[in-house]
Protein backbone atom coordinates (compact mmCIF):
# COMPACT_ATOMS: atom_id res chain seq x y z
CA MET A 1 59.19 -59.41 93.93
CA SER A 2 58.46 -63.24 95.04
CA ASP A 3 55.89 -63.26 91.36
CA PHE A 4 59.04 -62.96 89.77
CA PHE A 5 61.39 -64.97 91.51
CA LEU A 6 58.20 -67.68 90.92
CA VAL A 7 58.65 -68.06 87.64
CA ILE A 8 62.06 -68.05 87.05
CA GLY A 9 62.12 -71.15 89.43
CA VAL A 10 59.49 -72.93 88.01
CA LEU A 11 61.05 -71.84 84.28
CA LEU A 12 64.22 -73.24 85.65
CA LEU A 13 62.53 -76.30 86.78
CA VAL A 14 60.55 -77.34 83.58
CA PHE A 15 63.98 -77.21 81.80
CA CYS A 16 65.35 -79.38 84.33
CA PHE A 17 62.58 -81.96 83.56
CA ILE A 18 63.00 -81.34 79.55
CA SER A 19 66.30 -82.32 79.54
CA ILE A 20 65.97 -84.99 81.97
CA TYR A 21 63.73 -86.65 79.75
CA VAL A 22 65.70 -85.80 76.72
CA TRP A 23 68.37 -87.81 78.30
CA LEU A 24 66.59 -90.74 79.02
CA GLU A 25 65.18 -90.88 75.50
CA ILE A 26 69.04 -90.80 74.51
CA PHE A 27 69.58 -93.23 77.16
CA ARG A 28 67.34 -95.79 76.15
CA ASP A 29 68.46 -95.95 72.50
CA PRO A 30 68.23 -99.62 71.64
CA LYS A 31 68.72 -99.41 68.23
CA LYS A 32 71.31 -97.12 67.73
CA GLU A 33 69.35 -94.24 66.10
CA LEU A 34 70.71 -91.14 67.39
CA GLU A 35 74.11 -92.41 66.70
CA ASP A 36 74.01 -91.06 62.44
CA PHE A 37 72.23 -88.26 63.74
CA TYR A 38 75.04 -86.96 66.54
CA ILE A 39 77.78 -88.40 63.22
CA GLU A 40 76.26 -85.37 61.27
CA ASN A 41 75.46 -82.68 63.92
CA PRO A 42 78.48 -82.84 66.52
CA SER A 43 77.55 -79.76 68.36
CA MET A 44 74.16 -81.27 69.77
CA LYS A 45 75.70 -83.85 71.48
CA LYS A 46 77.77 -81.39 72.40
CA ILE A 47 74.26 -79.46 73.71
CA VAL A 48 72.81 -82.82 75.14
CA VAL A 49 76.35 -83.65 77.46
CA PHE A 50 75.97 -79.93 78.60
CA LEU A 51 72.98 -80.65 79.17
CA ARG A 52 73.20 -83.89 81.46
CA GLU A 53 76.44 -81.91 82.95
CA LYS A 54 74.47 -79.60 84.88
CA TRP A 55 70.95 -79.93 85.08
CA THR A 56 71.71 -80.63 88.87
CA ILE A 57 72.96 -77.33 89.33
CA PHE A 58 69.50 -75.96 87.25
CA PHE A 59 67.37 -77.59 89.63
CA LEU A 60 68.88 -76.36 92.15
CA THR A 61 68.47 -72.94 91.35
CA GLY A 62 64.64 -73.68 90.65
CA ILE A 63 63.91 -75.00 93.63
CA PHE A 64 65.96 -72.22 95.60
CA PHE A 65 63.65 -69.64 93.97
CA VAL A 66 60.57 -71.41 94.22
CA LEU A 67 61.36 -70.77 98.32
CA VAL A 68 62.58 -67.16 97.94
CA SER A 69 59.02 -66.33 96.52
CA LEU A 70 57.49 -68.80 99.27
CA LEU A 71 59.09 -66.94 101.54
């Protein structure tokens, strides 16, 4: 059971780090290249905004699962 919690926790933490990296790349868009992409694909913008708002919940849940697996 602890292996299950460890795997789930690590997957959540990897997901958080990927979403943080994606958000930083979007935030550092000096040429405004992504604005055209978001105009063509509004659903992707909704996904990115959702990830920006909810990554802390996934991060804390991942840490919780890792800690539970270690105990």
